[in-house]
Protein backbone atom coordinates (compact mmCIF):
# COMPACT_ATOMS: atom_id res chain seq x y z
CA MET A 1 13.09 -54.23 -48.34
CA LYS A 2 13.07 -50.62 -49.52
CA PHE A 3 10.61 -49.24 -52.09
CA ASP A 4 10.55 -46.20 -54.32
CA LEU A 5 6.99 -45.34 -53.30
CA SER A 6 4.67 -46.21 -50.40
CA ILE A 7 0.98 -45.71 -51.10
CA VAL A 8 -0.71 -45.29 -47.71
CA VAL A 9 -4.47 -45.82 -47.83
CA PRO A 10 -6.80 -45.21 -44.84
CA CYS A 11 -9.91 -47.40 -45.17
CA TYR A 12 -13.18 -47.10 -43.32
CA ASN A 13 -16.29 -48.83 -44.70
CA VAL A 14 -15.18 -48.49 -48.32
CA SER A 15 -15.83 -52.06 -49.41
CA SER A 16 -18.04 -51.00 -52.32
CA TYR A 17 -15.22 -48.88 -53.80
CA LEU A 18 -12.27 -51.23 -53.36
CA ASP A 19 -12.63 -53.26 -56.57
CA ARG A 20 -12.35 -50.06 -58.57
CA PHE A 21 -9.50 -48.79 -56.42
CA PHE A 22 -7.55 -52.05 -56.69
CA LYS A 23 -7.63 -51.72 -60.48
CA CYS A 24 -6.16 -48.23 -60.11
CA LEU A 25 -3.37 -49.53 -57.87
CA GLU A 26 -2.52 -52.43 -60.16
CA SER A 27 -2.17 -49.98 -63.05
CA GLN A 28 0.68 -48.27 -61.17
CA LEU A 29 2.85 -51.39 -61.05
CA ASP A 30 5.83 -51.21 -63.40
CA GLU A 31 9.42 -52.43 -63.51
CA PHE A 32 10.57 -48.81 -63.47
CA ILE A 33 9.47 -48.21 -59.86
CA SER A 34 8.97 -50.46 -56.83
CA ILE A 35 5.74 -49.79 -54.93
CA GLU A 36 4.29 -50.99 -51.64
CA PHE A 37 0.65 -50.66 -50.65
CA VAL A 38 -0.02 -49.89 -46.98
CA PHE A 39 -3.69 -50.26 -46.08
CA VAL A 40 -4.98 -49.11 -42.69
CA ASN A 41 -8.36 -50.62 -41.90
CA ASP A 42 -9.82 -48.21 -39.36
CA ALA A 43 -12.18 -50.69 -37.65
CA SER A 44 -14.53 -50.96 -40.63
CA THR A 45 -17.87 -52.62 -39.98
CA ASP A 46 -18.44 -53.79 -43.57
CA SER A 47 -16.38 -56.26 -45.63
CA THR A 48 -13.44 -53.87 -46.14
CA ILE A 49 -10.93 -56.03 -44.25
CA ASP A 50 -11.94 -59.16 -46.18
CA LYS A 51 -11.36 -57.45 -49.52
CA LEU A 52 -8.01 -56.07 -48.36
CA ARG A 53 -6.88 -59.57 -47.38
CA GLN A 54 -8.00 -60.97 -50.73
CA PHE A 55 -5.94 -58.29 -52.51
CA ALA A 56 -2.93 -59.03 -50.29
CA ALA A 57 -3.19 -62.74 -51.11
CA VAL A 58 -2.28 -62.09 -54.74
CA HIS A 59 0.30 -59.31 -54.22
CA ASN A 60 3.52 -59.61 -52.24
CA ASN A 61 3.91 -55.84 -51.73
CA VAL A 62 0.89 -55.31 -49.46
CA VAL A 63 0.88 -54.45 -45.74
CA ILE A 64 -2.37 -54.30 -43.77
CA ILE A 65 -2.82 -52.59 -40.41
CA ASP A 66 -6.10 -53.73 -38.88
CA LYS A 67 -7.21 -51.38 -36.10
CA ALA A 68 -9.54 -52.64 -33.39
CA THR A 69 -11.10 -49.23 -32.79
CA ASN A 70 -11.93 -46.39 -35.16
CA GLN A 71 -9.44 -43.55 -34.69
CA GLY A 72 -10.01 -41.37 -37.75
CA ILE A 73 -8.17 -40.62 -40.96
CA SER A 74 -5.28 -38.70 -39.36
CA ALA A 75 -4.36 -41.52 -36.98
CA ALA A 76 -4.69 -44.01 -39.85
CA ARG A 77 -2.28 -42.04 -42.04
CA ASN A 78 0.16 -41.67 -39.14
CA SER A 79 0.10 -45.44 -38.56
CA GLY A 80 0.75 -46.08 -42.24
CA MET A 81 3.62 -43.58 -42.39
CA ASP A 82 5.22 -45.15 -39.35
CA ILE A 83 5.79 -48.49 -41.09
CA ALA A 84 6.14 -47.27 -44.68
CA ARG A 85 9.40 -48.32 -46.38
CA GLY A 86 9.29 -46.12 -49.46
CA LYS A 87 11.60 -43.26 -50.32
CA TRP A 88 8.45 -41.40 -51.29
CA VAL A 89 4.90 -41.59 -49.93
CA THR A 90 1.43 -40.49 -51.00
CA PHE A 91 -2.07 -40.73 -49.51
CA PRO A 92 -4.90 -41.49 -51.96
CA ASP A 93 -8.40 -42.15 -50.68
CA PRO A 94 -9.91 -45.50 -51.69
CA ASP A 95 -13.19 -43.98 -52.89
CA ASP A 96 -11.30 -41.80 -55.40
CA VAL A 97 -9.58 -42.71 -58.65
CA ILE A 98 -5.93 -42.70 -59.74
CA ILE A 99 -5.89 -42.09 -63.48
CA GLY A 100 -3.91 -44.45 -65.69
CA LYS A 101 -0.28 -45.04 -64.69
CA GLY A 102 -0.19 -41.73 -62.86
CA TYR A 103 2.48 -42.41 -60.22
CA TYR A 104 4.68 -44.16 -62.73
CA TYR A 105 4.36 -41.12 -64.98
CA LEU A 106 5.39 -38.71 -62.19
CA PHE A 107 8.41 -40.81 -61.25
CA HIS A 108 9.55 -41.32 -64.81
CA ASN A 109 9.15 -37.69 -65.93
CA PHE A 110 9.99 -35.68 -62.81
CA VAL A 111 11.24 -37.55 -59.73
CA ALA A 112 13.87 -39.63 -61.54
CA LYS A 113 15.25 -36.53 -63.25
CA ASP A 114 15.84 -34.45 -60.11
CA ALA A 115 17.23 -36.12 -56.98
CA SER A 116 16.98 -32.85 -55.02
CA LEU A 117 13.16 -32.80 -54.98
CA ASP A 118 11.35 -33.10 -51.66
CA ALA A 119 7.80 -32.93 -53.04
CA VAL A 120 5.85 -33.02 -56.29
CA SER A 121 2.45 -31.33 -56.46
CA PHE A 122 0.09 -32.44 -59.23
CA GLU A 123 -3.44 -31.69 -60.44
CA MET A 124 -6.79 -33.41 -59.97
CA ASP A 125 -10.35 -33.46 -61.28
CA VAL A 126 -13.38 -33.12 -59.00
CA VAL A 127 -16.58 -34.95 -60.00
CA LYS A 128 -19.86 -35.86 -58.35
CA GLU A 129 -20.27 -39.57 -57.77
CA LYS A 130 -23.60 -39.66 -59.60
CA ASP A 131 -21.94 -38.16 -62.72
CA TYR A 132 -18.81 -40.32 -62.75
CA LYS A 133 -18.25 -43.34 -64.97
CA PHE A 134 -15.05 -45.25 -64.22
CA SER A 135 -12.93 -46.71 -66.99
CA PRO A 136 -9.75 -48.69 -66.26
CA ASP A 137 -8.44 -47.68 -69.69
CA LEU A 138 -8.17 -43.97 -68.88
CA ARG A 139 -4.72 -42.46 -69.42
CA CYS A 140 -3.29 -39.61 -67.40
CA GLU A 141 -2.64 -36.41 -69.30
CA ASP A 142 0.89 -35.43 -70.19
CA GLY A 143 2.07 -32.70 -67.86
CA ARG A 144 4.83 -30.16 -67.63
CA LEU A 145 6.82 -28.49 -64.90
CA VAL A 146 5.32 -25.06 -64.15
CA TRP A 147 7.21 -24.07 -60.99
CA GLU A 148 10.00 -25.17 -58.68
CA GLY A 149 11.58 -23.61 -55.65
CA THR A 150 11.80 -23.87 -51.87
CA GLY A 151 8.83 -25.04 -49.86
CA TYR A 152 8.72 -21.62 -48.17
CA ASP A 153 8.34 -19.88 -51.53
CA PHE A 154 5.83 -22.49 -52.63
CA PHE A 155 3.67 -21.71 -49.61
CA ASN A 156 3.75 -18.02 -50.54
CA HIS A 157 2.57 -18.66 -54.11
CA TYR A 158 0.57 -21.89 -54.28
CA HIS A 159 -1.74 -24.10 -52.31
CA MET A 160 -0.62 -27.73 -52.12
CA GLY A 161 -4.22 -28.88 -51.82
CA LEU A 162 -5.20 -32.35 -50.67
CA CYS A 163 -2.62 -34.85 -49.43
CA SER A 164 -3.82 -37.14 -52.21
CA THR A 165 -2.40 -34.73 -54.82
CA LEU A 166 1.18 -34.84 -53.59
CA LEU A 167 4.22 -37.05 -53.58
CA TYR A 168 6.25 -36.54 -50.37
CA ARG A 169 9.84 -37.46 -49.55
CA LEU A 170 9.27 -39.70 -46.56
CA ASP A 171 12.59 -38.88 -44.90
CA VAL A 172 11.59 -35.18 -44.72
CA ILE A 173 8.45 -36.23 -42.83
CA LYS A 174 10.24 -38.58 -40.46
CA GLN A 175 13.29 -36.42 -39.79
CA ASN A 176 11.02 -33.54 -38.77
CA LYS A 177 8.61 -35.83 -36.87
CA LEU A 178 5.61 -34.53 -38.80
CA LEU A 179 2.20 -36.03 -38.04
CA PHE A 180 -1.37 -35.43 -39.13
CA GLU A 181 -3.46 -33.58 -36.53
CA ASN A 182 -6.65 -35.30 -35.41
CA TYR A 183 -9.11 -32.88 -37.04
CA LYS A 184 -12.39 -33.72 -38.78
CA VAL A 185 -11.38 -31.30 -41.54
CA GLY A 186 -8.34 -29.22 -42.41
CA GLU A 187 -5.72 -31.78 -41.39
CA ASP A 188 -4.30 -31.72 -44.93
CA SER A 189 -3.70 -27.95 -44.81
CA VAL A 190 -1.91 -28.05 -41.46
CA PHE A 191 0.23 -31.05 -42.39
CA ASN A 192 1.11 -29.68 -45.82
CA THR A 193 2.10 -26.30 -44.39
CA LYS A 194 4.40 -27.89 -41.81
CA PHE A 195 5.86 -30.08 -44.54
CA GLU A 196 6.32 -27.25 -47.06
CA LEU A 197 8.31 -25.19 -44.58
CA LYS A 198 10.81 -28.06 -44.26
CA CYS A 199 11.27 -28.61 -48.01
CA ASN A 200 14.37 -27.47 -49.86
CA LYS A 201 12.77 -27.99 -53.26
CA VAL A 202 9.21 -28.47 -54.47
CA ALA A 203 8.01 -29.04 -58.03
CA LYS A 204 4.54 -28.15 -59.29
CA VAL A 205 3.45 -30.00 -62.41
CA THR A 206 0.32 -29.91 -64.57
CA SER A 207 -0.07 -33.68 -64.70
CA LYS A 208 -3.67 -34.56 -63.83
CA ILE A 209 -3.56 -38.06 -62.40
CA TYR A 210 -6.19 -38.01 -59.66
CA THR A 211 -9.98 -37.78 -59.58
CA TYR A 212 -11.64 -36.69 -56.36
CA VAL A 213 -15.11 -38.25 -56.29
CA LEU A 214 -17.69 -36.36 -54.23
CA ARG A 215 -19.76 -38.85 -52.25
CA LYS A 216 -23.09 -37.75 -50.82
CA ASN A 217 -22.74 -40.09 -47.84
CA SER A 218 -19.12 -39.27 -46.99
CA ILE A 219 -18.14 -37.90 -43.58
CA THR A 220 -16.87 -34.71 -45.22
CA HIS A 221 -20.31 -33.93 -46.61
CA SER A 222 -22.44 -35.29 -43.79
CA GLN A 223 -25.16 -32.96 -42.52
CA SER A 224 -25.18 -34.57 -39.05
CA SER A 225 -25.38 -31.80 -36.44
CA SER A 226 -22.71 -33.41 -34.25
CA LEU A 227 -20.28 -33.74 -37.17
CA ILE A 228 -20.97 -30.17 -38.28
CA LYS A 229 -20.12 -28.93 -34.80
CA GLU A 230 -16.90 -30.96 -34.87
CA ARG A 231 -16.02 -29.47 -38.24
CA ILE A 232 -16.63 -25.94 -36.94
CA SER A 233 -14.30 -26.65 -34.02
CA ALA A 234 -11.68 -28.12 -36.36
CA GLU A 235 -11.86 -25.19 -38.77
CA VAL A 236 -11.38 -22.76 -35.89
CA ASP A 237 -8.39 -24.78 -34.67
CA VAL A 238 -6.82 -24.68 -38.16
CA ALA A 239 -7.47 -20.93 -38.35
CA ARG A 240 -5.75 -20.62 -34.97
CA PHE A 241 -2.74 -22.55 -36.33
CA PHE A 242 -2.34 -20.08 -39.21
CA TYR A 243 -2.88 -17.15 -36.85
CA GLY A 244 0.07 -18.38 -34.80
CA LEU A 245 2.27 -18.48 -37.90
CA GLU A 246 1.01 -15.06 -38.95
CA LYS A 247 1.92 -13.46 -35.61
CA ALA A 248 5.33 -15.12 -35.43
CA SER A 249 6.55 -14.06 -38.86
CA THR A 250 8.24 -10.79 -39.87
CA ASP A 251 7.94 -11.64 -43.57
CA ILE A 252 5.01 -9.60 -44.94
CA THR A 253 4.35 -11.97 -47.85
CA PHE A 254 4.32 -14.98 -45.56
CA SER A 255 2.12 -13.24 -42.97
CA ASN A 256 -0.38 -12.24 -45.64
CA ARG A 257 -0.51 -15.81 -46.88
CA CYS A 258 -1.22 -17.04 -43.35
CA LEU A 259 -3.86 -14.33 -43.01
CA TYR A 260 -5.50 -15.61 -46.20
CA TYR A 261 -5.70 -19.18 -44.85
CA LYS A 262 -6.86 -17.99 -41.44
CA LYS A 263 -9.77 -16.08 -42.97
CA SER A 264 -10.52 -18.94 -45.35
CA PHE A 265 -11.03 -21.41 -42.50
CA CYS A 266 -13.04 -18.89 -40.50
CA GLY A 267 -15.22 -18.49 -43.59
CA LEU A 268 -15.66 -22.27 -43.82
CA ALA A 269 -16.75 -22.30 -40.18
CA LEU A 270 -19.30 -19.58 -40.94
CA GLY A 271 -20.69 -21.70 -43.74
CA GLN A 272 -21.02 -24.66 -41.37
CA ILE A 273 -22.95 -22.49 -38.93
CA LEU A 274 -25.59 -21.86 -41.58
CA ARG A 275 -26.34 -25.56 -41.92
CA SER A 276 -26.09 -26.38 -38.21
CA ASN A 277 -28.55 -26.26 -35.33
CA ILE A 278 -26.22 -24.63 -32.84
CA SER A 279 -27.77 -22.00 -30.61
CA ILE A 280 -27.55 -18.24 -30.93
CA LYS A 281 -25.54 -18.26 -27.69
CA GLU A 282 -22.96 -20.57 -29.26
CA ILE A 283 -22.82 -18.38 -32.36
CA LYS A 284 -22.06 -15.34 -30.21
CA ARG A 285 -19.30 -17.38 -28.55
CA PHE A 286 -17.93 -18.17 -32.01
CA LYS A 287 -18.03 -14.44 -32.81
CA ASN A 288 -15.83 -13.81 -29.76
CA THR A 289 -13.44 -16.51 -30.97
CA LEU A 290 -13.13 -14.67 -34.28
CA SER A 291 -12.19 -11.53 -32.37
CA GLU A 292 -9.46 -13.48 -30.55
CA LEU A 293 -8.08 -14.49 -33.96
CA ASN A 294 -8.22 -10.84 -35.06
CA VAL A 295 -11.00 -11.61 -37.54
CA THR A 296 -13.79 -9.11 -36.97
CA TYR A 297 -16.87 -8.51 -39.09
CA LYS A 298 -18.76 -5.25 -38.74
CA PRO A 299 -22.16 -4.47 -40.26
CA ILE A 300 -20.73 -1.69 -42.43
CA TYR A 301 -18.49 -4.30 -44.08
CA PHE A 302 -21.57 -5.93 -45.53
CA ILE A 303 -22.34 -2.75 -47.45
CA LYS A 304 -18.83 -1.90 -48.60
CA SER A 305 -17.46 -5.39 -49.20
CA LYS A 306 -16.53 -6.51 -52.71
CA GLU A 307 -16.67 -10.14 -51.63
CA SER A 308 -19.16 -12.61 -53.07
CA ILE A 309 -22.81 -12.42 -52.11
CA LYS A 310 -22.40 -15.63 -50.11
CA ALA A 311 -19.44 -14.20 -48.15
CA ARG A 312 -21.26 -10.95 -47.44
CA GLY A 313 -24.31 -12.89 -46.34
CA GLN A 314 -22.25 -14.86 -43.86
CA ILE A 315 -20.72 -11.66 -42.50
CA LEU A 316 -24.17 -10.13 -42.08
CA LEU A 317 -25.39 -13.23 -40.25
CA ILE A 318 -22.50 -13.31 -37.84
CA SER A 319 -23.07 -9.60 -37.17
CA PHE A 320 -26.78 -10.14 -36.56
CA PRO A 321 -27.14 -13.75 -35.30
CA LEU A 322 -30.93 -13.54 -34.97
CA LEU A 323 -31.18 -13.48 -38.76
CA LEU A 324 -30.18 -17.15 -38.68
CA LEU A 325 -33.65 -18.01 -37.41
CA VAL A 326 -34.98 -16.97 -40.82
CA VAL A 327 -32.07 -17.76 -43.15
CA ARG A 328 -31.00 -21.18 -41.84
CA PRO A 329 -34.11 -23.12 -43.02
CA LEU A 330 -33.88 -21.44 -46.43
CA TYR A 331 -30.18 -22.27 -46.74
CA LYS A 332 -30.76 -25.94 -45.91
CA PHE A 333 -33.52 -26.09 -48.52
CA ILE A 334 -31.21 -24.64 -51.18
CA ILE A 335 -28.27 -27.02 -50.54
CA ARG A 336 -30.26 -30.21 -49.95
CA ASP A 337 -29.59 -31.60 -53.46
CA ARG A 338 -26.21 -30.05 -54.08
CA LEU A 339 -24.30 -33.38 -54.17
């Protein structure tokens, strides 16, 4: 059986969020579009799989992939895509919230009116978990089309953002054999860039149908030293991906856009260094990696730069690594209650 939309959901120890998420999914069901739910249980150690099976028992459009070993969000999404039967696909996270009948709204107002679309980019809210109060009666805001064009032009003007804020034509993904890279962070940016460059037509709309809920105990925000080191490595790898695109292109606009993303991910890695316990020797090795990516920071830049204080501080620290011995404890104290 074919569906209009496959909703692929990676799940790892999210049992406490699933009741809320199931209500969001049930709100999407409508005669206007056919939807399948593809859950990938990534070897959860809580009651996630039990709740998924309970949900599947009352819905005939549910597929569950139950992995024996934890392989990460990228592998989970790839597994879900592989068996998805929808013309379109999207990737919400189960600890976030889909507002009202959001997917129905996008299909009814945009997808159904333009058969040439390969992707629809929409908006989201970002809230801290401690400040968020869920209501199943929330309605998504009416939106409008603000841009459409080729995926190449879209890349040059906009950032697609998280994979959870996009509808993708699944045949574009499968025909081009696109997969998520196994990074701790940044996998969305790499996948979306590869996807954009294969799209004939992308629409950007102002519809706000998704709420990204910041969880203090999530992997993304974990302060574990080992995870921070993995994120630094991933951010460098993503920066290297954009550097490759930058070098290969003769289009100045495109190259500058790649340069922007390359520097952005290098900057994220610098931020991770502040909160890590990696050695000064490793930091100097990271500085050499930046030079290989043609990203160099000189002390004089700290004085002349018009960048933010935070950015200039990071540049100063990478120029003079010994300063980290003083600044790192202060930085950790400042961010300890940020979430």
